Amino acid sequence: MADRLTQLQDTVNQQAEHFCNAIGVIQQTSYPSKFINFERTGSQTPNPSQPQEDYAQLFAQLIARCAKDIDTLIESLPNEDSSIELQNSSLKKLEFENQETAIELEEVVQTGELLLDKIQSALENIAQAQLEMQISLKSNF
């Protein structure tokens, strides 16, 4: 669960970065407002030498995707309804399944050991037969 909480925290931090970056781009590319009885000196328009991109669309997509990821991570967290009794019953069920699988594994291992013994016996018989053939061939010459 800590891993999911870490992922959620990282995604929330990423969402905060998207918001900060979006506000920064808005500040950088927006035109200043004029106030009554207030004169401002300096440039009144953003720097036109930079290419204008569709930042609104880009940040909207990033923020929406990040929000969807946050919702998904929140849904994957355990419910408050999950009581100790429910968790204990789930653990007992998992233990029972684990014991059944362990028994099946022991049976497969025993079967494998029997097959290994048969194969080793067959290999010994083959080796013995080859030795006897070599001996009989040497005695015939």
Protein backbone atom coordinates (compact mmCIF):
# COMPACT_ATOMS: atom_id res chain seq x y z
CA MET A 1 0.00 0.00 0.00
CA ALA A 2 2.90 2.36 0.70
CA ASP A 3 3.93 2.05 -2.91
CA ARG A 4 0.50 3.21 -4.07
CA LEU A 5 0.60 6.07 -1.57
CA THR A 6 4.01 7.08 -2.91
CA GLN A 7 2.68 6.96 -6.46
CA LEU A 8 -0.30 9.06 -5.41
CA GLN A 9 1.95 11.63 -3.72
CA ASP A 10 4.20 11.80 -6.80
CA THR A 11 1.19 12.26 -9.07
CA VAL A 12 -0.24 15.02 -6.85
CA ASN A 13 3.17 16.74 -6.92
CA GLN A 14 3.22 16.41 -10.70
CA GLN A 15 -0.27 17.95 -10.86
CA ALA A 16 0.96 20.88 -8.75
CA GLU A 17 3.86 21.33 -11.18
CA HIS A 18 1.44 21.38 -14.12
CA PHE A 19 -0.64 24.07 -12.40
CA CYS A 20 2.44 26.16 -11.60
CA ASN A 21 3.78 25.83 -15.14
CA ALA A 22 0.39 26.72 -16.61
CA ILE A 23 0.19 29.85 -14.46
CA GLY A 24 3.77 30.75 -15.40
CA VAL A 25 3.00 30.45 -19.11
CA ILE A 26 -0.18 32.50 -18.66
CA GLN A 27 1.84 35.22 -16.93
CA GLN A 28 4.50 35.10 -19.62
CA THR A 29 2.19 35.24 -22.63
CA SER A 30 -0.73 37.34 -21.41
CA TYR A 31 -1.24 40.99 -22.07
CA PRO A 32 -1.17 43.31 -19.07
CA SER A 33 -4.41 44.88 -17.91
CA LYS A 34 -4.76 48.61 -17.81
CA PHE A 35 -5.92 50.20 -14.61
CA ILE A 36 -7.68 53.53 -14.42
CA ASN A 37 -5.51 56.38 -13.09
CA PHE A 38 -2.41 54.23 -13.21
CA GLU A 39 0.29 54.59 -15.81
CA ARG A 40 2.85 51.92 -16.33
CA THR A 41 6.13 52.44 -18.03
CA GLY A 42 7.81 49.74 -20.04
CA SER A 43 6.59 47.14 -22.47
CA GLN A 44 2.83 46.68 -22.58
CA THR A 45 2.88 43.49 -24.66
CA PRO A 46 4.55 40.12 -24.27
CA ASN A 47 7.64 39.32 -26.29
CA PRO A 48 6.37 38.53 -29.82
CA SER A 49 9.66 36.94 -30.89
CA GLN A 50 8.73 33.70 -29.13
CA PRO A 51 6.50 31.39 -31.15
CA GLN A 52 2.97 31.18 -29.84
CA GLU A 53 1.86 27.64 -29.17
CA ASP A 54 -1.43 26.33 -27.95
CA TYR A 55 -0.36 26.21 -24.31
CA ALA A 56 -3.93 26.16 -23.09
CA GLN A 57 -4.62 22.90 -24.93
CA LEU A 58 -1.32 21.37 -23.81
CA PHE A 59 -1.77 22.17 -20.13
CA ALA A 60 -5.44 21.20 -20.23
CA GLN A 61 -4.43 17.75 -21.51
CA LEU A 62 -1.64 17.37 -18.96
CA ILE A 63 -3.86 18.44 -16.06
CA ALA A 64 -6.77 16.23 -17.18
CA ARG A 65 -4.50 13.19 -17.64
CA CYS A 66 -2.89 13.75 -14.26
CA ALA A 67 -6.31 14.14 -12.59
CA LYS A 68 -7.40 10.85 -14.18
CA ASP A 69 -4.25 9.15 -12.84
CA ILE A 70 -4.97 10.54 -9.37
CA ASP A 71 -8.54 9.19 -9.50
CA THR A 72 -7.27 5.78 -10.61
CA LEU A 73 -4.72 5.65 -7.80
CA ILE A 74 -7.30 6.71 -5.22
CA GLU A 75 -9.68 3.98 -6.40
CA SER A 76 -6.92 1.38 -6.07
CA LEU A 77 -6.44 2.18 -2.37
CA PRO A 78 -8.16 -0.13 0.13
CA ASN A 79 -11.64 0.80 1.33
CA GLU A 80 -12.40 1.88 4.85
CA ASP A 81 -15.07 -0.84 4.79
CA SER A 82 -12.33 -3.42 4.86
CA SER A 83 -12.60 -4.44 8.49
CA ILE A 84 -10.18 -6.58 10.44
CA GLU A 85 -12.56 -9.55 10.21
CA LEU A 86 -12.74 -9.23 6.43
CA GLN A 87 -8.96 -8.97 6.19
CA ASN A 88 -8.52 -11.99 8.47
CA SER A 89 -10.93 -14.06 6.38
CA SER A 90 -9.06 -13.06 3.23
CA LEU A 91 -5.77 -14.05 4.85
CA LYS A 92 -7.20 -17.43 5.94
CA LYS A 93 -8.43 -18.05 2.40
CA LEU A 94 -5.00 -17.17 0.99
CA GLU A 95 -3.30 -19.45 3.53
CA PHE A 96 -5.61 -22.32 2.57
CA GLU A 97 -4.89 -21.78 -1.12
CA ASN A 98 -1.18 -21.60 -0.32
CA GLN A 99 -1.33 -24.94 1.55
CA GLU A 100 -3.19 -26.60 -1.35
CA THR A 101 -0.62 -25.30 -3.82
CA ALA A 102 2.22 -26.49 -1.56
CA ILE A 103 0.70 -30.01 -1.53
CA GLU A 104 0.40 -29.96 -5.33
CA LEU A 105 4.02 -28.80 -5.59
CA GLU A 106 5.20 -31.64 -3.33
CA GLU A 107 3.34 -34.15 -5.52
CA VAL A 108 4.93 -32.73 -8.67
CA VAL A 109 8.38 -32.84 -7.05
CA GLN A 110 7.86 -36.48 -6.00
CA THR A 111 6.74 -37.38 -9.53
CA GLY A 112 9.79 -35.60 -10.92
CA GLU A 113 12.10 -37.46 -8.55
CA LEU A 114 10.57 -40.80 -9.60
CA LEU A 115 11.06 -39.92 -13.25
CA LEU A 116 14.64 -38.87 -12.54
CA ASP A 117 15.32 -42.22 -10.84
CA LYS A 118 13.86 -44.09 -13.85
CA ILE A 119 15.94 -42.05 -16.29
CA GLN A 120 19.12 -42.59 -14.26
CA SER A 121 18.39 -46.33 -14.11
CA ALA A 122 17.82 -46.42 -17.86
CA LEU A 123 21.08 -44.53 -18.46
CA GLU A 124 22.94 -46.97 -16.22
CA ASN A 125 21.47 -49.90 -18.18
CA ILE A 126 22.49 -48.26 -21.46
CA ALA A 127 26.01 -47.59 -20.19
CA GLN A 128 26.31 -51.16 -18.91
CA ALA A 129 25.10 -52.54 -22.25
CA GLN A 130 27.64 -50.39 -24.14
CA LEU A 131 30.46 -51.63 -21.89
CA GLU A 132 29.43 -55.23 -22.42
CA MET A 133 29.31 -54.69 -26.20
CA GLN A 134 32.79 -53.12 -26.19
CA ILE A 135 34.14 -56.02 -24.13
CA SER A 136 32.56 -58.58 -26.44
CA LEU A 137 33.90 -56.79 -29.53
CA LYS A 138 37.44 -56.70 -28.08
CA SER A 139 37.29 -60.37 -27.19
CA ASN A 140 36.19 -61.28 -30.74
CA PHE A 141 39.24 -59.60 -32.30
